[in-house]
Amino acid sequence: MRRISRKELKIALIVIGAVCVVSVCAMVAALIHFKPAPQPEFTPPAFEDAAVEGVLEETDELKALGWSKLHQEGMSYTVYLCGGVLINEQNQADVWFYNEPKNESWLKLRVTDAQGKIIAETGLIKPGEYLQTIEFSRAVEDDESLAFKVMGYEPETYLSTGAVSLKPAVKNK
């Protein structure tokens, strides 16, 4: 067995030290370069000021506006909404957005145009509440392609309880 000289030991320690320094520098550079993007802070949606507490029953007037039940398998809530949008001169429409009393989700309605721009949005409505009218941020053309998206939130935590979308028929008065 050969004995290692002091000179060889110094060289080995210098090489090992250099490898350690290079490794630490590479790790620091990787952490700086690949640091995770900051997550935007979540701001809970506000509750709808115009929401009315009450039970809605299907009427001929609501049927004429295409008021119907929206529920997909696996959804934890049922919502009612008009599939026909009749817009008045003030860029408002009666949608009769209704959150059934038996639901356990807070609901919100968002309306987007063909480019995905939000043109109307409600606040949260609680189970047993409804919102009759929404206001659009701009004029909407007859037969314009719009999308309604209903989003459900778990009370207190604001975790998603799912979403459902539909494409309404649009007419101006």
Protein backbone atom coordinates (compact mmCIF):
# COMPACT_ATOMS: atom_id res chain seq x y z
CA MET A 1 0.00 0.00 0.00
CA ARG A 2 1.37 3.34 -1.08
CA ARG A 3 1.49 6.27 1.25
CA ILE A 4 0.01 9.64 0.10
CA SER A 5 2.44 12.53 0.29
CA ARG A 6 1.63 15.89 1.79
CA LYS A 7 1.82 17.48 -1.65
CA GLU A 8 -0.73 15.02 -3.11
CA LEU A 9 -3.02 15.55 -0.09
CA LYS A 10 -2.89 19.34 -0.57
CA ILE A 11 -3.72 18.97 -4.27
CA ALA A 12 -6.66 16.61 -3.49
CA LEU A 13 -8.02 19.03 -0.86
CA ILE A 14 -7.72 21.98 -3.25
CA VAL A 15 -9.56 20.04 -5.99
CA ILE A 16 -12.31 18.94 -3.56
CA GLY A 17 -12.64 22.52 -2.27
CA ALA A 18 -12.88 23.88 -5.81
CA VAL A 19 -15.58 21.32 -6.68
CA CYS A 20 -17.54 22.36 -3.56
CA VAL A 21 -17.27 26.07 -4.44
CA VAL A 22 -18.38 25.43 -8.04
CA SER A 23 -21.31 23.29 -6.78
CA VAL A 24 -22.48 25.97 -4.34
CA CYS A 25 -22.21 28.66 -7.05
CA ALA A 26 -24.19 26.50 -9.49
CA MET A 27 -26.89 25.88 -6.85
CA VAL A 28 -27.20 29.60 -6.03
CA ALA A 29 -27.38 30.48 -9.73
CA ALA A 30 -30.09 27.84 -10.27
CA LEU A 31 -32.12 29.12 -7.32
CA ILE A 32 -31.92 32.68 -8.60
CA HIS A 33 -32.70 31.76 -12.20
CA PHE A 34 -35.48 29.24 -11.50
CA LYS A 35 -37.16 30.89 -8.51
CA PRO A 36 -40.95 30.39 -8.56
CA ALA A 37 -43.07 33.24 -9.84
CA PRO A 38 -44.81 35.14 -7.07
CA GLN A 39 -48.44 34.09 -6.66
CA PRO A 40 -50.96 36.92 -6.89
CA GLU A 41 -52.81 37.54 -3.67
CA PHE A 42 -56.37 36.23 -3.74
CA THR A 43 -59.07 38.84 -3.22
CA PRO A 44 -62.41 37.24 -2.39
CA PRO A 45 -65.30 38.43 -4.56
CA ALA A 46 -67.77 40.79 -2.92
CA PHE A 47 -71.36 39.84 -2.27
CA GLU A 48 -74.00 41.17 -4.65
CA ASP A 49 -75.65 44.31 -3.23
CA ALA A 50 -78.75 43.89 -5.39
CA ALA A 51 -79.37 40.24 -4.42
CA VAL A 52 -82.84 39.52 -3.07
CA GLU A 53 -83.61 36.81 -0.56
CA GLY A 54 -86.51 34.66 -1.67
CA VAL A 55 -87.71 31.62 -3.54
CA LEU A 56 -88.33 31.85 -7.29
CA GLU A 57 -90.94 29.69 -8.96
CA GLU A 58 -91.09 29.10 -12.70
CA THR A 59 -93.64 31.38 -14.35
CA ASP A 60 -94.75 31.87 -17.96
CA GLU A 61 -92.75 35.13 -18.03
CA LEU A 62 -89.59 33.33 -16.91
CA LYS A 63 -90.21 30.44 -19.33
CA ALA A 64 -90.43 32.98 -22.18
CA LEU A 65 -86.94 34.23 -21.23
CA GLY A 66 -85.55 30.69 -21.33
CA TRP A 67 -85.27 30.40 -17.55
CA SER A 68 -84.00 26.94 -16.80
CA LYS A 69 -82.14 24.75 -14.37
CA LEU A 70 -78.40 24.35 -14.92
CA HIS A 71 -76.85 21.28 -13.39
CA GLN A 72 -74.21 18.88 -14.62
CA GLU A 73 -73.36 15.51 -13.16
CA GLY A 74 -70.90 15.89 -10.33
CA MET A 75 -71.81 19.52 -9.59
CA SER A 76 -72.46 20.31 -5.95
CA TYR A 77 -75.06 22.97 -6.73
CA THR A 78 -78.01 23.73 -8.97
CA VAL A 79 -78.55 27.17 -10.46
CA TYR A 80 -81.36 28.73 -12.49
CA LEU A 81 -80.72 31.32 -15.17
CA CYS A 82 -82.36 32.81 -18.26
CA GLY A 83 -80.88 31.51 -21.50
CA GLY A 84 -82.48 34.35 -23.45
CA VAL A 85 -81.07 37.83 -22.90
CA LEU A 86 -83.35 40.74 -23.75
CA ILE A 87 -81.27 43.92 -23.37
CA ASN A 88 -82.92 47.28 -22.72
CA GLU A 89 -81.75 50.81 -23.65
CA GLN A 90 -79.69 51.08 -20.43
CA ASN A 91 -77.62 47.98 -21.38
CA GLN A 92 -79.39 45.91 -18.74
CA ALA A 93 -80.99 42.49 -18.99
CA ASP A 94 -83.17 40.39 -16.71
CA VAL A 95 -81.35 37.10 -16.16
CA TRP A 96 -83.09 35.93 -12.96
CA PHE A 97 -79.90 34.37 -11.61
CA TYR A 98 -81.09 32.12 -8.77
CA ASN A 99 -79.16 30.12 -6.16
CA GLU A 100 -81.46 27.45 -4.72
CA PRO A 101 -81.87 27.44 -0.91
CA LYS A 102 -80.69 23.81 -0.67
CA ASN A 103 -77.31 24.65 -2.25
CA GLU A 104 -74.22 24.94 -0.10
CA SER A 105 -72.25 27.11 -2.54
CA TRP A 106 -72.03 30.84 -3.06
CA LEU A 107 -72.49 31.62 -6.76
CA LYS A 108 -71.26 34.30 -9.13
CA LEU A 109 -72.16 35.01 -12.78
CA ARG A 110 -69.67 36.31 -15.34
CA VAL A 111 -70.60 37.33 -18.90
CA THR A 112 -67.90 37.45 -21.58
CA ASP A 113 -67.92 38.43 -25.24
CA ALA A 114 -66.46 36.46 -28.18
CA GLN A 115 -62.95 37.78 -27.36
CA GLY A 116 -63.25 36.61 -23.74
CA LYS A 117 -63.56 40.14 -22.34
CA ILE A 118 -65.73 40.43 -19.23
CA ILE A 119 -68.71 42.67 -20.04
CA ALA A 120 -70.87 41.94 -16.99
CA GLU A 121 -70.25 40.33 -13.63
CA THR A 122 -72.20 39.87 -10.46
CA GLY A 123 -71.08 39.63 -6.89
CA LEU A 124 -71.65 36.46 -4.90
CA ILE A 125 -75.17 35.36 -4.15
CA LYS A 126 -75.92 33.05 -1.24
CA PRO A 127 -78.26 30.06 -1.26
CA GLY A 128 -81.87 31.28 -1.28
CA GLU A 129 -81.01 34.51 -3.10
CA TYR A 130 -81.53 35.72 -6.65
CA LEU A 131 -80.52 38.61 -8.85
CA GLN A 132 -83.03 39.80 -11.41
CA THR A 133 -80.99 42.22 -13.54
CA ILE A 134 -77.40 42.57 -14.68
CA GLU A 135 -75.83 45.59 -16.35
CA PHE A 136 -73.42 45.32 -19.26
CA SER A 137 -70.34 47.55 -19.47
CA ARG A 138 -71.05 48.25 -23.14
CA ALA A 139 -73.79 47.97 -25.75
CA VAL A 140 -74.46 44.41 -26.92
CA GLU A 141 -75.58 43.65 -30.48
CA ASP A 142 -78.47 41.37 -31.48
CA ASP A 143 -77.27 37.78 -31.78
CA GLU A 144 -73.81 38.73 -30.45
CA SER A 145 -71.91 35.72 -29.19
CA LEU A 146 -71.80 35.85 -25.39
CA ALA A 147 -70.95 33.29 -22.76
CA PHE A 148 -72.41 32.99 -19.28
CA LYS A 149 -70.19 31.33 -16.70
CA VAL A 150 -71.55 30.47 -13.26
CA MET A 151 -68.83 29.89 -10.69
CA GLY A 152 -69.43 28.19 -7.36
CA TYR A 153 -67.44 28.91 -4.20
CA GLU A 154 -67.26 27.06 -0.93
CA PRO A 155 -68.40 29.40 1.86
CA GLU A 156 -65.62 30.82 4.03
CA THR A 157 -62.72 29.14 2.13
CA TYR A 158 -63.64 30.35 -1.38
CA LEU A 159 -62.47 27.05 -2.85
CA SER A 160 -64.12 26.29 -6.18
CA THR A 161 -67.17 24.05 -6.17
CA GLY A 162 -67.22 23.98 -9.97
CA ALA A 163 -68.39 26.06 -12.89
CA VAL A 164 -70.99 25.73 -15.61
CA SER A 165 -71.25 27.73 -18.85
CA LEU A 166 -73.90 28.44 -21.44
CA LYS A 167 -74.28 30.54 -24.56
CA PRO A 168 -77.39 32.72 -24.31
CA ALA A 169 -79.53 34.06 -27.16
CA VAL A 170 -79.17 37.86 -27.30
CA LYS A 171 -81.81 40.37 -28.42
CA ASN A 172 -82.20 44.12 -27.93
CA LYS A 173 -85.60 45.61 -27.07
